[in-house]
Amino acid sequence: MNKKSIVQLSAFALIAATVAMLLIASCKKEEKTVTPAPPGNEFLTTTILTCINTNAPYDTTVGTWRDLTPDDTNPPDTSKAVLNLKKNTVYHVSIGLLDETKSPSGDIGSDILARGNYHLFCFNTSSSLGSNLAVTRTDHDTNNPPLAIGLKDDFTTTNVGDGFLEVILRHQPNLKNGSCDPGSTDLDVNFRIHITN
């Protein structure tokens, strides 16, 4: 190999090494920690409350609130959002949640349970119902300490009365503290309550 070839080869090697170093330096990026975005609000069309009398399981009442056009095209169907309860009674209650825009219907309740650390059901009684209905959440998430979810509840009635129960599902990713204040609302529906003898 002659001197000219060696010089050309050396120059080529030097250029190649310089280009490689530039490429490596330009590809070096600062490492970042990426936190995934919390899941968005749930899409719910149907809320089902199933109430079973703890002393007489045959005494079961089911109320269904349905809005198949959550974009407010049509008003919700509240004709079956009625619960007939007996006074001085405890009912075990389960809340079912569906997305009936899908076929088959999507079971959103199982999603809420799976993400229980992000969700809390809140309940408000109308002034006409007063203290004749008390609601106690009986299920809990995996937070430390565990916080209530509200898919499972006990409804305790006292006296005869009529009114409304507002059921609110709060969406609280990374905010849940046991109160209804933080977060946004996934669901806000009303059930008519009749408490009789």
C-alpha atoms as a PDB file:
ATOM      1  CA  MET A   1       0.000   0.000   0.000  1.00  0.00           C
ATOM      2  CA  ASN A   2       1.449   3.372  -0.962  1.00  0.00           C
ATOM      3  CA  LYS A   3       1.636   6.489   1.187  1.00  0.00           C
ATOM      4  CA  LYS A   4      -1.150   8.255  -0.659  1.00  0.00           C
ATOM      5  CA  SER A   5      -3.559   5.380  -0.036  1.00  0.00           C
ATOM      6  CA  ILE A   6      -2.645   5.304   3.649  1.00  0.00           C
ATOM      7  CA  VAL A   7      -3.275   9.054   3.970  1.00  0.00           C
ATOM      8  CA  GLN A   8      -6.636   8.708   2.159  1.00  0.00           C
ATOM      9  CA  LEU A   9      -7.595   5.769   4.372  1.00  0.00           C
ATOM     10  CA  SER A  10      -6.591   7.666   7.508  1.00  0.00           C
ATOM     11  CA  ALA A  11      -8.555  10.738   6.393  1.00  0.00           C
ATOM     12  CA  PHE A  12     -11.577   8.562   5.657  1.00  0.00           C
ATOM     13  CA  ALA A  13     -11.308   6.915   9.105  1.00  0.00           C
ATOM     14  CA  LEU A  14     -11.022  10.316  10.778  1.00  0.00           C
ATOM     15  CA  ILE A  15     -14.085  11.649   8.912  1.00  0.00           C
ATOM     16  CA  ALA A  16     -16.071   8.493   9.737  1.00  0.00           C
ATOM     17  CA  ALA A  17     -15.129   8.730  13.420  1.00  0.00           C
ATOM     18  CA  THR A  18     -16.115  12.432  13.507  1.00  0.00           C
ATOM     19  CA  VAL A  19     -19.480  11.750  11.860  1.00  0.00           C
ATOM     20  CA  ALA A  20     -20.138   8.869  14.261  1.00  0.00           C
ATOM     21  CA  MET A  21     -19.359  11.055  17.278  1.00  0.00           C
ATOM     22  CA  LEU A  22     -21.639  13.809  15.971  1.00  0.00           C
ATOM     23  CA  LEU A  23     -24.462  11.340  15.458  1.00  0.00           C
ATOM     24  CA  ILE A  24     -24.051   9.902  18.940  1.00  0.00           C
ATOM     25  CA  ALA A  25     -23.908  13.364  20.509  1.00  0.00           C
ATOM     26  CA  SER A  26     -26.993  14.548  18.592  1.00  0.00           C
ATOM     27  CA  CYS A  27     -28.998  11.474  19.589  1.00  0.00           C
ATOM     28  CA  LYS A  28     -28.267  11.903  23.277  1.00  0.00           C
ATOM     29  CA  LYS A  29     -31.492  13.112  24.885  1.00  0.00           C
ATOM     30  CA  GLU A  30     -32.262  14.040  28.420  1.00  0.00           C
ATOM     31  CA  GLU A  31     -34.060  11.222  30.209  1.00  0.00           C
ATOM     32  CA  LYS A  32     -37.575  12.088  31.375  1.00  0.00           C
ATOM     33  CA  THR A  33     -39.966  10.387  33.730  1.00  0.00           C
ATOM     34  CA  VAL A  34     -43.382  10.133  32.119  1.00  0.00           C
ATOM     35  CA  THR A  35     -46.435   9.855  34.349  1.00  0.00           C
ATOM     36  CA  PRO A  36     -49.423   8.321  32.569  1.00  0.00           C
ATOM     37  CA  ALA A  37     -52.522  10.472  32.440  1.00  0.00           C
ATOM     38  CA  PRO A  38     -55.262   9.383  34.850  1.00  0.00           C
ATOM     39  CA  PRO A  39     -58.189   7.614  33.187  1.00  0.00           C
ATOM     40  CA  GLY A  40     -60.998   9.836  31.908  1.00  0.00           C
ATOM     41  CA  ASN A  41     -64.564   9.956  33.108  1.00  0.00           C
ATOM     42  CA  GLU A  42     -66.776   6.932  32.594  1.00  0.00           C
ATOM     43  CA  PHE A  43     -69.520   6.801  29.952  1.00  0.00           C
ATOM     44  CA  LEU A  44     -72.709   5.667  31.690  1.00  0.00           C
ATOM     45  CA  THR A  45     -76.231   5.314  30.328  1.00  0.00           C
ATOM     46  CA  THR A  46     -77.959   3.173  32.941  1.00  0.00           C
ATOM     47  CA  THR A  47     -77.944   3.022  36.732  1.00  0.00           C
ATOM     48  CA  ILE A  48     -79.663   0.124  38.508  1.00  0.00           C
ATOM     49  CA  LEU A  49     -80.235   0.022  42.271  1.00  0.00           C
ATOM     50  CA  THR A  50     -81.153  -3.410  43.619  1.00  0.00           C
ATOM     51  CA  CYS A  51     -82.386  -3.358  47.240  1.00  0.00           C
ATOM     52  CA  ILE A  52     -82.805  -6.608  49.208  1.00  0.00           C
ATOM     53  CA  ASN A  53     -84.534  -6.590  52.610  1.00  0.00           C
ATOM     54  CA  THR A  54     -82.069  -8.189  55.062  1.00  0.00           C
ATOM     55  CA  ASN A  55     -84.903  -9.748  57.121  1.00  0.00           C
ATOM     56  CA  ALA A  56     -87.039 -10.868  54.181  1.00  0.00           C
ATOM     57  CA  PRO A  57     -84.971 -11.437  51.004  1.00  0.00           C
ATOM     58  CA  TYR A  58     -88.147 -11.952  48.945  1.00  0.00           C
ATOM     59  CA  ASP A  59     -88.766  -8.222  49.547  1.00  0.00           C
ATOM     60  CA  THR A  60     -86.586  -6.940  46.735  1.00  0.00           C
ATOM     61  CA  THR A  61     -87.042  -3.709  44.840  1.00  0.00           C
ATOM     62  CA  VAL A  62     -85.168  -2.602  41.728  1.00  0.00           C
ATOM     63  CA  GLY A  63     -85.006   0.927  40.345  1.00  0.00           C
ATOM     64  CA  THR A  64     -83.554   1.791  36.940  1.00  0.00           C
ATOM     65  CA  TRP A  65     -82.499   5.203  35.664  1.00  0.00           C
ATOM     66  CA  ARG A  66     -81.691   5.247  31.940  1.00  0.00           C
ATOM     67  CA  ASP A  67     -80.415   7.863  29.502  1.00  0.00           C
ATOM     68  CA  LEU A  68     -79.516   6.362  26.135  1.00  0.00           C
ATOM     69  CA  THR A  69     -78.672   9.782  24.699  1.00  0.00           C
ATOM     70  CA  PRO A  70     -76.237  11.314  27.190  1.00  0.00           C
ATOM     71  CA  ASP A  71     -75.681  14.185  24.750  1.00  0.00           C
ATOM     72  CA  ASP A  72     -79.136  15.417  25.919  1.00  0.00           C
ATOM     73  CA  THR A  73     -80.875  14.638  22.623  1.00  0.00           C
ATOM     74  CA  ASN A  74     -83.728  13.086  24.609  1.00  0.00           C
ATOM     75  CA  PRO A  75     -84.550  13.336  28.317  1.00  0.00           C
ATOM     76  CA  PRO A  76     -83.646  10.372  30.548  1.00  0.00           C
ATOM     77  CA  ASP A  77     -86.215   7.665  31.253  1.00  0.00           C
ATOM     78  CA  THR A  78     -86.944   7.999  34.974  1.00  0.00           C
ATOM     79  CA  SER A  79     -90.234   6.053  34.927  1.00  0.00           C
ATOM     80  CA  LYS A  80     -88.530   3.058  36.596  1.00  0.00           C
ATOM     81  CA  ALA A  81     -86.187   5.065  38.845  1.00  0.00           C
ATOM     82  CA  VAL A  82     -88.411   4.306  41.825  1.00  0.00           C
ATOM     83  CA  LEU A  83     -87.650   2.361  45.011  1.00  0.00           C
ATOM     84  CA  ASN A  84     -90.466   1.094  47.247  1.00  0.00           C
ATOM     85  CA  LEU A  85     -89.050   0.427  50.718  1.00  0.00           C
ATOM     86  CA  LYS A  86     -90.574  -0.566  54.063  1.00  0.00           C
ATOM     87  CA  LYS A  87     -90.075   1.520  57.202  1.00  0.00           C
ATOM     88  CA  ASN A  88     -87.708   0.370  59.993  1.00  0.00           C
ATOM     89  CA  THR A  89     -85.839  -1.909  57.619  1.00  0.00           C
ATOM     90  CA  VAL A  90     -82.259  -2.447  56.445  1.00  0.00           C
ATOM     91  CA  TYR A  91     -81.700  -3.192  52.756  1.00  0.00           C
ATOM     92  CA  HIS A  92     -78.508  -4.503  51.185  1.00  0.00           C
ATOM     93  CA  VAL A  93     -78.086  -2.435  48.025  1.00  0.00           C
ATOM     94  CA  SER A  94     -75.956  -3.022  44.957  1.00  0.00           C
ATOM     95  CA  ILE A  95     -75.445  -0.465  42.224  1.00  0.00           C
ATOM     96  CA  GLY A  96     -75.229  -1.663  38.637  1.00  0.00           C
ATOM     97  CA  LEU A  97     -73.829   0.597  35.916  1.00  0.00           C
ATOM     98  CA  LEU A  98     -74.118  -0.006  32.192  1.00  0.00           C
ATOM     99  CA  ASP A  99     -73.173   1.574  28.895  1.00  0.00           C
ATOM    100  CA  GLU A 100     -76.132   0.510  26.748  1.00  0.00           C
ATOM    101  CA  THR A 101     -74.841   2.311  23.659  1.00  0.00           C
ATOM    102  CA  LYS A 102     -72.782  -0.863  23.100  1.00  0.00           C
ATOM    103  CA  SER A 103     -74.063  -4.249  22.028  1.00  0.00           C
ATOM    104  CA  PRO A 104     -73.864  -6.197  24.247  1.00  0.00           C
ATOM    105  CA  SER A 105     -74.110  -3.613  27.022  1.00  0.00           C
ATOM    106  CA  GLY A 106     -70.837  -2.692  28.674  1.00  0.00           C
ATOM    107  CA  ASP A 107     -70.628  -3.462  32.407  1.00  0.00           C
ATOM    108  CA  ILE A 108     -69.170  -0.226  33.740  1.00  0.00           C
ATOM    109  CA  GLY A 109     -69.680  -1.370  37.343  1.00  0.00           C
ATOM    110  CA  SER A 110     -66.814  -3.848  37.018  1.00  0.00           C
ATOM    111  CA  ASP A 111     -64.615  -1.045  35.635  1.00  0.00           C
ATOM    112  CA  ILE A 112     -65.531   1.167  38.605  1.00  0.00           C
ATOM    113  CA  LEU A 113     -64.709  -1.662  41.011  1.00  0.00           C
ATOM    114  CA  ALA A 114     -61.377  -2.312  39.271  1.00  0.00           C
ATOM    115  CA  ARG A 115     -60.573   1.402  39.623  1.00  0.00           C
ATOM    116  CA  GLY A 116     -62.125   1.782  43.057  1.00  0.00           C
ATOM    117  CA  ASN A 117     -59.204   3.918  44.226  1.00  0.00           C
ATOM    118  CA  TYR A 118     -60.426   6.580  41.759  1.00  0.00           C
ATOM    119  CA  HIS A 119     -64.174   6.481  42.515  1.00  0.00           C
ATOM    120  CA  LEU A 120     -66.610   7.334  45.282  1.00  0.00           C
ATOM    121  CA  PHE A 121     -70.416   7.196  45.349  1.00  0.00           C
ATOM    122  CA  CYS A 122     -72.079  10.022  47.245  1.00  0.00           C
ATOM    123  CA  PHE A 123     -75.706  10.145  48.333  1.00  0.00           C
ATOM    124  CA  ASN A 124     -78.020  13.041  49.177  1.00  0.00           C
ATOM    125  CA  THR A 125     -81.616  12.769  50.359  1.00  0.00           C
ATOM    126  CA  SER A 126     -84.212  15.420  49.589  1.00  0.00           C
ATOM    127  CA  SER A 127     -85.526  17.495  52.484  1.00  0.00           C
ATOM    128  CA  SER A 128     -88.953  15.830  52.127  1.00  0.00           C
ATOM    129  CA  LEU A 129     -87.331  12.451  52.813  1.00  0.00           C
ATOM    130  CA  GLY A 130     -85.315  13.904  55.684  1.00  0.00           C
ATOM    131  CA  SER A 131     -83.620  11.418  57.966  1.00  0.00           C
ATOM    132  CA  ASN A 132     -86.027   8.617  57.062  1.00  0.00           C
ATOM    133  CA  LEU A 133     -83.334   7.061  54.874  1.00  0.00           C
ATOM    134  CA  ALA A 134     -79.686   6.619  55.869  1.00  0.00           C
ATOM    135  CA  VAL A 135     -77.060   5.267  53.453  1.00  0.00           C
ATOM    136  CA  THR A 136     -73.899   3.459  54.582  1.00  0.00           C
ATOM    137  CA  ARG A 137     -71.255   2.408  52.043  1.00  0.00           C
ATOM    138  CA  THR A 138     -70.088  -1.160  52.745  1.00  0.00           C
ATOM    139  CA  ASP A 139     -67.359  -1.807  50.154  1.00  0.00           C
ATOM    140  CA  HIS A 140     -63.819  -0.446  50.153  1.00  0.00           C
ATOM    141  CA  ASP A 141     -60.911   0.179  47.799  1.00  0.00           C
ATOM    142  CA  THR A 142     -57.251  -0.801  48.209  1.00  0.00           C
ATOM    143  CA  ASN A 143     -56.003   2.575  49.423  1.00  0.00           C
ATOM    144  CA  ASN A 144     -54.092   2.591  52.698  1.00  0.00           C
ATOM    145  CA  PRO A 145     -56.189   3.087  54.756  1.00  0.00           C
ATOM    146  CA  PRO A 146     -59.060   1.674  52.684  1.00  0.00           C
ATOM    147  CA  LEU A 147     -61.688   4.191  51.585  1.00  0.00           C
ATOM    148  CA  ALA A 148     -65.329   3.477  50.741  1.00  0.00           C
ATOM    149  CA  ILE A 149     -66.465   3.045  47.119  1.00  0.00           C
ATOM    150  CA  GLY A 150     -70.273   2.734  47.373  1.00  0.00           C
ATOM    151  CA  LEU A 151     -71.108   0.069  44.783  1.00  0.00           C
ATOM    152  CA  LYS A 152     -72.403  -1.898  47.810  1.00  0.00           C
ATOM    153  CA  ASP A 153     -74.406  -0.099  50.490  1.00  0.00           C
ATOM    154  CA  ASP A 154     -76.881  -0.502  53.305  1.00  0.00           C
ATOM    155  CA  PHE A 155     -80.045   1.600  53.171  1.00  0.00           C
ATOM    156  CA  THR A 156     -81.690   1.964  56.592  1.00  0.00           C
ATOM    157  CA  THR A 157     -85.230   3.299  56.746  1.00  0.00           C
ATOM    158  CA  THR A 158     -87.008   4.694  59.807  1.00  0.00           C
ATOM    159  CA  ASN A 159     -90.412   6.305  59.266  1.00  0.00           C
ATOM    160  CA  VAL A 160     -92.861   6.517  56.388  1.00  0.00           C
ATOM    161  CA  GLY A 161     -91.867   9.160  53.840  1.00  0.00           C
ATOM    162  CA  ASP A 162     -91.481  10.142  50.191  1.00  0.00           C
ATOM    163  CA  GLY A 163     -88.732  12.002  48.445  1.00  0.00           C
ATOM    164  CA  PHE A 164     -85.664  11.641  46.292  1.00  0.00           C
ATOM    165  CA  LEU A 165     -82.249  10.069  46.661  1.00  0.00           C
ATOM    166  CA  GLU A 166     -79.515  11.689  44.591  1.00  0.00           C
ATOM    167  CA  VAL A 167     -76.785   9.225  43.570  1.00  0.00           C
ATOM    168  CA  ILE A 168     -73.511  10.811  42.489  1.00  0.00           C
ATOM    169  CA  LEU A 169     -70.412   9.015  41.263  1.00  0.00           C
ATOM    170  CA  ARG A 170     -67.295  11.109  41.820  1.00  0.00           C
ATOM    171  CA  HIS A 171     -64.239  10.534  39.619  1.00  0.00           C
ATOM    172  CA  GLN A 172     -61.187  11.206  41.816  1.00  0.00           C
ATOM    173  CA  PRO A 173     -57.935   9.908  40.259  1.00  0.00           C
ATOM    174  CA  ASN A 174     -55.015  10.709  42.581  1.00  0.00           C
ATOM    175  CA  LEU A 175     -57.412  12.883  44.648  1.00  0.00           C
ATOM    176  CA  LYS A 176     -59.592  10.456  46.600  1.00  0.00           C
ATOM    177  CA  ASN A 177     -59.628  11.195  50.324  1.00  0.00           C
ATOM    178  CA  GLY A 178     -63.010   9.840  51.445  1.00  0.00           C
ATOM    179  CA  SER A 179     -64.955  13.056  50.849  1.00  0.00           C
ATOM    180  CA  CYS A 180     -67.153  13.951  47.891  1.00  0.00           C
ATOM    181  CA  ASP A 181     -65.419  17.265  47.193  1.00  0.00           C
ATOM    182  CA  PRO A 182     -62.402  16.476  44.979  1.00  0.00           C
ATOM    183  CA  GLY A 183     -62.611  15.360  41.374  1.00  0.00           C
ATOM    184  CA  SER A 184     -65.285  15.494  38.717  1.00  0.00           C
ATOM    185  CA  THR A 185     -68.701  13.867  38.290  1.00  0.00           C
ATOM    186  CA  ASP A 186     -69.231  10.663  36.288  1.00  0.00           C
ATOM    187  CA  LEU A 187     -72.893  10.321  37.256  1.00  0.00           C
ATOM    188  CA  ASP A 188     -75.591  12.397  38.948  1.00  0.00           C
ATOM    189  CA  VAL A 189     -79.074  10.827  38.995  1.00  0.00           C
ATOM    190  CA  ASN A 190     -82.171  10.865  41.202  1.00  0.00           C
ATOM    191  CA  PHE A 191     -84.348   7.981  42.377  1.00  0.00           C
ATOM    192  CA  ARG A 192     -87.835   8.452  43.784  1.00  0.00           C
ATOM    193  CA  ILE A 193     -88.110   6.849  47.233  1.00  0.00           C
ATOM    194  CA  HIS A 194     -91.389   5.640  48.775  1.00  0.00           C
ATOM    195  CA  ILE A 195     -91.135   4.380  52.353  1.00  0.00           C
ATOM    196  CA  THR A 196     -94.332   2.676  53.500  1.00  0.00           C
ATOM    197  CA  ASN A 197     -95.591   0.573  56.438  1.00  0.00           C
END
